[in-house]
N, C-alpha and C. Protein backbone atom coordinates (compact mmCIF):
# COMPACT_ATOMS: atom_id res chain seq x y z
N MET A 1 3.10 6.86 16.71
CA MET A 1 2.00 7.61 16.19
C MET A 1 0.72 7.11 16.86
N GLU A 2 -0.10 8.01 17.28
CA GLU A 2 -1.35 7.63 17.91
C GLU A 2 -2.50 7.91 16.95
N LEU A 3 -3.45 6.99 16.90
CA LEU A 3 -4.65 7.20 16.10
C LEU A 3 -5.71 7.78 17.01
N ARG A 4 -6.24 8.93 16.66
CA ARG A 4 -7.22 9.57 17.54
C ARG A 4 -8.57 9.66 16.85
N LYS A 5 -9.59 9.50 17.65
CA LYS A 5 -10.96 9.62 17.19
C LYS A 5 -11.72 10.22 18.36
N SER A 6 -12.34 11.36 18.14
CA SER A 6 -13.05 12.06 19.21
C SER A 6 -12.12 12.39 20.38
N GLY A 7 -10.86 12.74 20.09
CA GLY A 7 -9.94 13.13 21.13
C GLY A 7 -9.41 11.99 21.98
N LYS A 8 -9.70 10.76 21.64
CA LYS A 8 -9.30 9.61 22.44
C LYS A 8 -8.61 8.58 21.54
N LEU A 9 -7.58 7.95 22.05
CA LEU A 9 -6.91 6.91 21.29
C LEU A 9 -7.91 5.82 20.94
N GLN A 10 -7.95 5.42 19.66
CA GLN A 10 -8.87 4.36 19.26
C GLN A 10 -8.62 3.11 20.09
N ASP A 11 -9.69 2.46 20.47
CA ASP A 11 -9.62 1.20 21.19
C ASP A 11 -8.89 1.35 22.53
N GLU A 12 -8.96 2.53 23.12
CA GLU A 12 -8.24 2.79 24.37
C GLU A 12 -8.63 1.83 25.48
N ASP A 13 -9.93 1.60 25.66
CA ASP A 13 -10.37 0.71 26.73
C ASP A 13 -9.84 -0.71 26.52
N LEU A 14 -9.93 -1.19 25.29
CA LEU A 14 -9.42 -2.52 24.96
C LEU A 14 -7.92 -2.58 25.18
N SER A 15 -7.22 -1.54 24.72
CA SER A 15 -5.76 -1.48 24.92
C SER A 15 -5.40 -1.55 26.39
N GLN A 16 -6.12 -0.80 27.21
CA GLN A 16 -5.82 -0.78 28.63
C GLN A 16 -6.00 -2.16 29.27
N GLU A 17 -7.04 -2.87 28.86
CA GLU A 17 -7.26 -4.22 29.39
C GLU A 17 -6.12 -5.16 28.98
N ILE A 18 -5.70 -5.05 27.73
CA ILE A 18 -4.61 -5.90 27.24
C ILE A 18 -3.32 -5.57 27.98
N LEU A 19 -3.05 -4.28 28.16
CA LEU A 19 -1.83 -3.88 28.86
C LEU A 19 -1.85 -4.35 30.30
N GLY A 20 -3.00 -4.27 30.94
CA GLY A 20 -3.12 -4.77 32.30
C GLY A 20 -2.83 -6.26 32.38
N ALA A 21 -3.35 -7.01 31.40
CA ALA A 21 -3.10 -8.45 31.35
C ALA A 21 -1.61 -8.74 31.12
N ALA A 22 -0.99 -7.98 30.21
CA ALA A 22 0.43 -8.18 29.91
C ALA A 22 1.29 -7.85 31.13
N ILE A 23 0.94 -6.80 31.83
CA ILE A 23 1.69 -6.43 33.04
C ILE A 23 1.57 -7.52 34.09
N GLU A 24 0.40 -8.10 34.23
CA GLU A 24 0.21 -9.19 35.19
C GLU A 24 1.08 -10.40 34.82
N VAL A 25 1.12 -10.74 33.52
CA VAL A 25 1.96 -11.85 33.06
C VAL A 25 3.42 -11.55 33.36
N HIS A 26 3.86 -10.34 33.03
CA HIS A 26 5.25 -9.96 33.24
C HIS A 26 5.60 -9.95 34.73
N ARG A 27 4.70 -9.45 35.54
CA ARG A 27 4.90 -9.40 36.99
C ARG A 27 5.05 -10.82 37.55
N SER A 28 4.25 -11.73 37.03
CA SER A 28 4.27 -13.12 37.54
C SER A 28 5.47 -13.92 37.03
N LEU A 29 5.77 -13.79 35.74
CA LEU A 29 6.82 -14.62 35.14
C LEU A 29 8.19 -13.95 35.11
N GLY A 30 8.21 -12.63 34.96
CA GLY A 30 9.47 -11.91 34.81
C GLY A 30 10.09 -12.18 33.44
N PRO A 31 11.23 -11.55 33.17
CA PRO A 31 11.91 -11.75 31.89
C PRO A 31 12.64 -13.09 31.84
N GLY A 32 13.00 -13.51 30.62
CA GLY A 32 13.87 -14.68 30.48
C GLY A 32 13.27 -15.86 29.75
N PHE A 33 11.98 -15.84 29.45
CA PHE A 33 11.36 -16.96 28.74
C PHE A 33 11.22 -16.66 27.25
N LEU A 34 10.88 -17.69 26.50
CA LEU A 34 10.62 -17.53 25.08
C LEU A 34 9.27 -16.83 24.88
N GLU A 35 9.11 -16.21 23.71
CA GLU A 35 7.85 -15.53 23.39
C GLU A 35 6.64 -16.44 23.54
N SER A 36 6.79 -17.70 23.18
CA SER A 36 5.67 -18.63 23.23
C SER A 36 5.14 -18.83 24.64
N ILE A 37 6.01 -18.74 25.64
CA ILE A 37 5.59 -18.86 27.04
C ILE A 37 4.72 -17.66 27.42
N TYR A 38 5.16 -16.46 27.03
CA TYR A 38 4.39 -15.26 27.34
C TYR A 38 3.07 -15.25 26.57
N GLU A 39 3.09 -15.74 25.36
CA GLU A 39 1.86 -15.82 24.57
C GLU A 39 0.83 -16.72 25.26
N GLU A 40 1.28 -17.86 25.70
CA GLU A 40 0.38 -18.80 26.39
C GLU A 40 -0.20 -18.16 27.65
N ALA A 41 0.64 -17.53 28.44
CA ALA A 41 0.18 -16.89 29.68
C ALA A 41 -0.76 -15.73 29.38
N LEU A 42 -0.45 -14.92 28.37
CA LEU A 42 -1.30 -13.79 28.03
C LEU A 42 -2.67 -14.26 27.54
N CYS A 43 -2.71 -15.36 26.81
CA CYS A 43 -3.99 -15.91 26.36
C CYS A 43 -4.84 -16.38 27.55
N ILE A 44 -4.21 -16.91 28.57
CA ILE A 44 -4.94 -17.29 29.79
C ILE A 44 -5.58 -16.04 30.41
N GLU A 45 -4.81 -14.96 30.48
CA GLU A 45 -5.34 -13.70 31.03
C GLU A 45 -6.49 -13.17 30.17
N LEU A 46 -6.32 -13.21 28.84
CA LEU A 46 -7.38 -12.71 27.95
C LEU A 46 -8.65 -13.54 28.09
N ASP A 47 -8.49 -14.86 28.21
CA ASP A 47 -9.65 -15.73 28.45
C ASP A 47 -10.36 -15.35 29.75
N ASN A 48 -9.58 -15.13 30.80
CA ASN A 48 -10.16 -14.76 32.09
C ASN A 48 -10.91 -13.44 32.03
N LEU A 49 -10.44 -12.53 31.17
CA LEU A 49 -11.09 -11.23 31.02
C LEU A 49 -12.24 -11.26 30.01
N GLY A 50 -12.38 -12.37 29.30
CA GLY A 50 -13.44 -12.47 28.29
C GLY A 50 -13.17 -11.64 27.04
N ILE A 51 -11.90 -11.39 26.76
CA ILE A 51 -11.52 -10.61 25.58
C ILE A 51 -11.34 -11.56 24.39
N PRO A 52 -12.07 -11.33 23.30
CA PRO A 52 -11.94 -12.22 22.14
C PRO A 52 -10.61 -11.98 21.40
N TYR A 53 -9.98 -13.07 20.98
CA TYR A 53 -8.71 -12.96 20.27
C TYR A 53 -8.54 -14.14 19.33
N GLU A 54 -7.68 -13.94 18.36
CA GLU A 54 -7.25 -15.02 17.47
C GLU A 54 -5.75 -15.14 17.66
N ARG A 55 -5.32 -16.35 17.91
CA ARG A 55 -3.91 -16.62 18.20
C ARG A 55 -3.24 -17.23 16.97
N GLN A 56 -2.06 -16.72 16.64
CA GLN A 56 -1.30 -17.21 15.49
C GLN A 56 -2.16 -17.19 14.22
N LYS A 57 -2.89 -16.10 14.07
CA LYS A 57 -3.78 -15.94 12.91
C LYS A 57 -2.95 -15.80 11.64
N THR A 58 -3.29 -16.61 10.65
CA THR A 58 -2.60 -16.57 9.37
C THR A 58 -3.17 -15.46 8.51
N LEU A 59 -2.29 -14.61 8.00
CA LEU A 59 -2.68 -13.56 7.07
C LEU A 59 -2.12 -13.91 5.71
N GLU A 60 -2.97 -13.84 4.72
CA GLU A 60 -2.53 -14.04 3.35
C GLU A 60 -2.06 -12.70 2.81
N ILE A 61 -0.85 -12.65 2.31
CA ILE A 61 -0.29 -11.42 1.76
C ILE A 61 -0.44 -11.49 0.25
N THR A 62 -1.06 -10.45 -0.32
CA THR A 62 -1.29 -10.42 -1.76
C THR A 62 -0.64 -9.19 -2.38
N TYR A 63 -0.35 -9.33 -3.66
CA TYR A 63 0.16 -8.24 -4.46
C TYR A 63 -0.52 -8.33 -5.81
N ARG A 64 -1.24 -7.28 -6.19
CA ARG A 64 -1.97 -7.26 -7.46
C ARG A 64 -2.84 -8.50 -7.63
N ASN A 65 -3.56 -8.80 -6.56
CA ASN A 65 -4.49 -9.94 -6.52
C ASN A 65 -3.81 -11.30 -6.64
N HIS A 66 -2.52 -11.38 -6.38
CA HIS A 66 -1.79 -12.64 -6.38
C HIS A 66 -1.28 -12.90 -4.96
N LYS A 67 -1.50 -14.11 -4.48
CA LYS A 67 -0.96 -14.49 -3.17
C LYS A 67 0.55 -14.61 -3.30
N ILE A 68 1.25 -13.87 -2.45
CA ILE A 68 2.71 -13.91 -2.51
C ILE A 68 3.33 -14.45 -1.23
N GLY A 69 2.49 -14.72 -0.25
CA GLY A 69 3.02 -15.27 0.98
C GLY A 69 2.00 -15.25 2.11
N GLU A 70 2.47 -15.68 3.27
CA GLU A 70 1.64 -15.71 4.46
C GLU A 70 2.45 -15.20 5.64
N HIS A 71 1.72 -14.72 6.61
CA HIS A 71 2.36 -14.36 7.87
C HIS A 71 1.41 -14.73 8.99
N ARG A 72 1.97 -15.00 10.14
CA ARG A 72 1.16 -15.31 11.32
C ARG A 72 1.30 -14.20 12.34
N LEU A 73 0.15 -13.66 12.74
CA LEU A 73 0.12 -12.67 13.81
C LEU A 73 0.21 -13.39 15.15
N ASP A 74 0.92 -12.83 16.10
CA ASP A 74 0.91 -13.42 17.43
C ASP A 74 -0.52 -13.43 17.96
N LEU A 75 -1.13 -12.23 18.02
CA LEU A 75 -2.51 -12.12 18.49
C LEU A 75 -3.23 -11.03 17.72
N LEU A 76 -4.47 -11.31 17.36
CA LEU A 76 -5.37 -10.29 16.81
C LEU A 76 -6.52 -10.21 17.79
N ILE A 77 -6.64 -9.08 18.45
CA ILE A 77 -7.62 -8.90 19.50
C ILE A 77 -8.87 -8.24 18.94
N ALA A 78 -10.02 -8.89 19.17
CA ALA A 78 -11.32 -8.34 18.78
C ALA A 78 -11.35 -7.90 17.31
N SER A 79 -10.60 -8.58 16.47
CA SER A 79 -10.52 -8.30 15.03
C SER A 79 -10.05 -6.89 14.70
N LYS A 80 -9.43 -6.19 15.66
CA LYS A 80 -9.03 -4.82 15.36
C LYS A 80 -7.72 -4.35 15.96
N LEU A 81 -7.09 -5.15 16.79
CA LEU A 81 -5.87 -4.71 17.45
C LEU A 81 -4.82 -5.82 17.35
N VAL A 82 -3.70 -5.52 16.69
CA VAL A 82 -2.60 -6.48 16.54
C VAL A 82 -1.70 -6.38 17.77
N VAL A 83 -1.39 -7.52 18.38
CA VAL A 83 -0.46 -7.56 19.50
C VAL A 83 0.72 -8.43 19.09
N GLU A 84 1.89 -7.81 19.08
CA GLU A 84 3.13 -8.51 18.72
C GLU A 84 3.95 -8.70 19.99
N LEU A 85 4.28 -9.94 20.28
CA LEU A 85 5.04 -10.26 21.48
C LEU A 85 6.51 -10.41 21.13
N LYS A 86 7.36 -9.86 21.97
CA LYS A 86 8.79 -9.95 21.78
C LYS A 86 9.45 -10.39 23.08
N ALA A 87 10.59 -11.04 22.94
CA ALA A 87 11.46 -11.38 24.07
C ALA A 87 12.88 -11.09 23.58
N VAL A 88 13.18 -9.80 23.41
CA VAL A 88 14.44 -9.35 22.84
C VAL A 88 15.09 -8.31 23.75
N LYS A 89 16.37 -8.04 23.52
CA LYS A 89 17.09 -7.07 24.35
C LYS A 89 16.41 -5.70 24.29
N GLU A 90 16.05 -5.26 23.08
CA GLU A 90 15.35 -4.00 22.92
C GLU A 90 14.55 -4.00 21.62
N ILE A 91 13.53 -3.19 21.59
CA ILE A 91 12.71 -3.07 20.38
C ILE A 91 13.45 -2.19 19.39
N GLU A 92 13.56 -2.68 18.17
CA GLU A 92 14.28 -1.98 17.11
C GLU A 92 13.28 -1.28 16.18
N PRO A 93 13.73 -0.29 15.41
CA PRO A 93 12.83 0.38 14.46
C PRO A 93 12.14 -0.57 13.48
N ILE A 94 12.81 -1.65 13.10
CA ILE A 94 12.21 -2.60 12.17
C ILE A 94 10.96 -3.25 12.77
N HIS A 95 10.91 -3.41 14.09
CA HIS A 95 9.74 -4.00 14.73
C HIS A 95 8.51 -3.13 14.50
N PHE A 96 8.68 -1.80 14.54
CA PHE A 96 7.56 -0.89 14.28
C PHE A 96 7.09 -1.02 12.83
N THR A 97 8.05 -1.09 11.92
CA THR A 97 7.72 -1.22 10.50
C THR A 97 6.94 -2.51 10.25
N ILE A 98 7.40 -3.59 10.84
CA ILE A 98 6.74 -4.88 10.66
C ILE A 98 5.33 -4.85 11.22
N VAL A 99 5.16 -4.31 12.42
CA VAL A 99 3.82 -4.27 13.02
C VAL A 99 2.90 -3.37 12.21
N ARG A 100 3.40 -2.25 11.67
CA ARG A 100 2.56 -1.41 10.79
C ARG A 100 2.09 -2.23 9.59
N SER A 101 2.97 -3.06 9.05
CA SER A 101 2.58 -3.92 7.92
C SER A 101 1.50 -4.90 8.34
N TYR A 102 1.62 -5.46 9.53
CA TYR A 102 0.61 -6.39 10.05
C TYR A 102 -0.73 -5.70 10.24
N VAL A 103 -0.69 -4.48 10.78
CA VAL A 103 -1.91 -3.71 10.98
C VAL A 103 -2.61 -3.49 9.64
N LYS A 104 -1.84 -3.08 8.65
CA LYS A 104 -2.39 -2.83 7.32
C LYS A 104 -2.94 -4.11 6.70
N ALA A 105 -2.17 -5.18 6.75
CA ALA A 105 -2.58 -6.45 6.13
C ALA A 105 -3.80 -7.07 6.80
N SER A 106 -3.99 -6.80 8.08
CA SER A 106 -5.12 -7.40 8.82
C SER A 106 -6.32 -6.47 8.89
N ASN A 107 -6.19 -5.27 8.34
CA ASN A 107 -7.24 -4.25 8.43
C ASN A 107 -7.56 -3.89 9.87
N ALA A 108 -6.57 -4.01 10.75
CA ALA A 108 -6.73 -3.63 12.14
C ALA A 108 -6.64 -2.11 12.26
N THR A 109 -7.00 -1.59 13.41
CA THR A 109 -6.93 -0.14 13.62
C THR A 109 -5.60 0.30 14.21
N SER A 110 -4.93 -0.58 14.95
CA SER A 110 -3.65 -0.23 15.56
C SER A 110 -2.97 -1.49 16.08
N GLY A 111 -1.79 -1.29 16.66
CA GLY A 111 -1.05 -2.42 17.18
C GLY A 111 -0.31 -2.06 18.46
N ILE A 112 0.12 -3.09 19.15
CA ILE A 112 0.91 -2.93 20.37
C ILE A 112 2.07 -3.92 20.30
N ILE A 113 3.26 -3.45 20.63
CA ILE A 113 4.42 -4.33 20.76
C ILE A 113 4.70 -4.47 22.26
N LEU A 114 4.81 -5.70 22.72
CA LEU A 114 5.12 -5.98 24.12
C LEU A 114 6.44 -6.74 24.18
N ASN A 115 7.43 -6.18 24.86
CA ASN A 115 8.72 -6.85 25.01
C ASN A 115 8.86 -7.32 26.46
N PHE A 116 8.76 -8.63 26.63
CA PHE A 116 8.78 -9.24 27.95
C PHE A 116 10.19 -9.43 28.51
N SER A 117 11.24 -9.17 27.72
CA SER A 117 12.61 -9.39 28.20
C SER A 117 13.18 -8.22 28.97
N THR A 118 12.44 -7.15 29.09
CA THR A 118 12.94 -5.96 29.76
C THR A 118 12.28 -5.78 31.12
N MET A 119 12.96 -5.04 31.98
CA MET A 119 12.39 -4.64 33.28
C MET A 119 12.34 -3.14 33.29
N PRO A 120 11.20 -2.53 33.37
CA PRO A 120 9.88 -3.15 33.34
C PRO A 120 9.50 -3.59 31.93
N LEU A 121 8.33 -4.18 31.79
CA LEU A 121 7.78 -4.57 30.50
C LEU A 121 7.79 -3.36 29.57
N THR A 122 8.32 -3.54 28.35
CA THR A 122 8.30 -2.46 27.36
C THR A 122 7.00 -2.55 26.56
N ILE A 123 6.31 -1.43 26.48
CA ILE A 123 5.02 -1.34 25.78
C ILE A 123 5.13 -0.23 24.75
N LYS A 124 4.88 -0.55 23.48
CA LYS A 124 4.92 0.45 22.41
C LYS A 124 3.65 0.33 21.59
N ARG A 125 3.00 1.45 21.38
CA ARG A 125 1.82 1.49 20.53
C ARG A 125 2.24 1.78 19.11
N VAL A 126 1.53 1.19 18.17
CA VAL A 126 1.86 1.36 16.76
C VAL A 126 0.58 1.70 16.02
N GLY A 127 0.61 2.82 15.29
CA GLY A 127 -0.54 3.22 14.47
C GLY A 127 -0.25 2.96 13.01
N MET A 128 -1.28 3.10 12.22
CA MET A 128 -1.11 2.96 10.78
C MET A 128 -0.37 4.18 10.25
N GLU A 129 0.36 3.99 9.16
CA GLU A 129 1.04 5.11 8.53
C GLU A 129 0.01 5.98 7.83
N ILE A 130 0.24 7.29 7.88
CA ILE A 130 -0.61 8.22 7.14
C ILE A 130 0.00 8.35 5.75
N PRO A 131 -0.81 8.16 4.68
CA PRO A 131 -0.26 8.30 3.33
C PRO A 131 0.37 9.68 3.15
N LEU A 132 1.45 9.74 2.40
CA LEU A 132 2.19 10.97 2.20
C LEU A 132 1.29 12.08 1.68
N THR A 133 0.39 11.78 0.76
CA THR A 133 -0.48 12.81 0.20
C THR A 133 -1.39 13.40 1.27
N SER A 134 -1.84 12.58 2.21
CA SER A 134 -2.69 13.07 3.30
C SER A 134 -1.88 13.93 4.26
N SER A 135 -0.66 13.51 4.54
CA SER A 135 0.14 14.23 5.53
C SER A 135 0.64 15.55 4.98
N LEU A 136 0.66 15.72 3.66
CA LEU A 136 1.12 16.97 3.06
C LEU A 136 -0.03 17.91 2.71
N SER A 137 -1.25 17.49 2.91
CA SER A 137 -2.39 18.30 2.51
C SER A 137 -2.43 19.65 3.24
N PHE A 138 -1.87 19.71 4.44
CA PHE A 138 -1.87 20.97 5.18
C PHE A 138 -1.00 22.02 4.51
N LEU A 139 -0.05 21.61 3.68
CA LEU A 139 0.84 22.56 3.01
C LEU A 139 0.11 23.41 1.98
N SER A 140 -0.96 22.88 1.41
CA SER A 140 -1.69 23.61 0.38
C SER A 140 -2.71 24.58 0.95
N SER A 141 -2.89 24.55 2.27
CA SER A 141 -3.88 25.43 2.91
C SER A 141 -3.39 26.84 3.05
């Protein structure tokens, strides 16, 4: 799902810079390393580009104003874009669900899943879910 604003994907310029950095990392290292290796290399690229990010940012998960747990994001870029790094055979549907949860919990606008174990690099964009009531509003028109 793509989030659009003024006919353009939100944070498109930022996304393109991140994707360029990820492609450079993948081109240089290739598949076969642990996620932590790709994270370290991607952070070097982000630093070189001057892109602000938080690495392994802890998110407090609450339910009815009670803390029920924590999660760590791989990267939160410019406080608005979640980047989830993978080194797996293939991206599964559960990965999209998890990243949507991260986007919601972090109040980000969208997310990107990068799978460094594939040739070429697998890149998937993840948007926030549209509430069912909003998505059905067109039926009453």
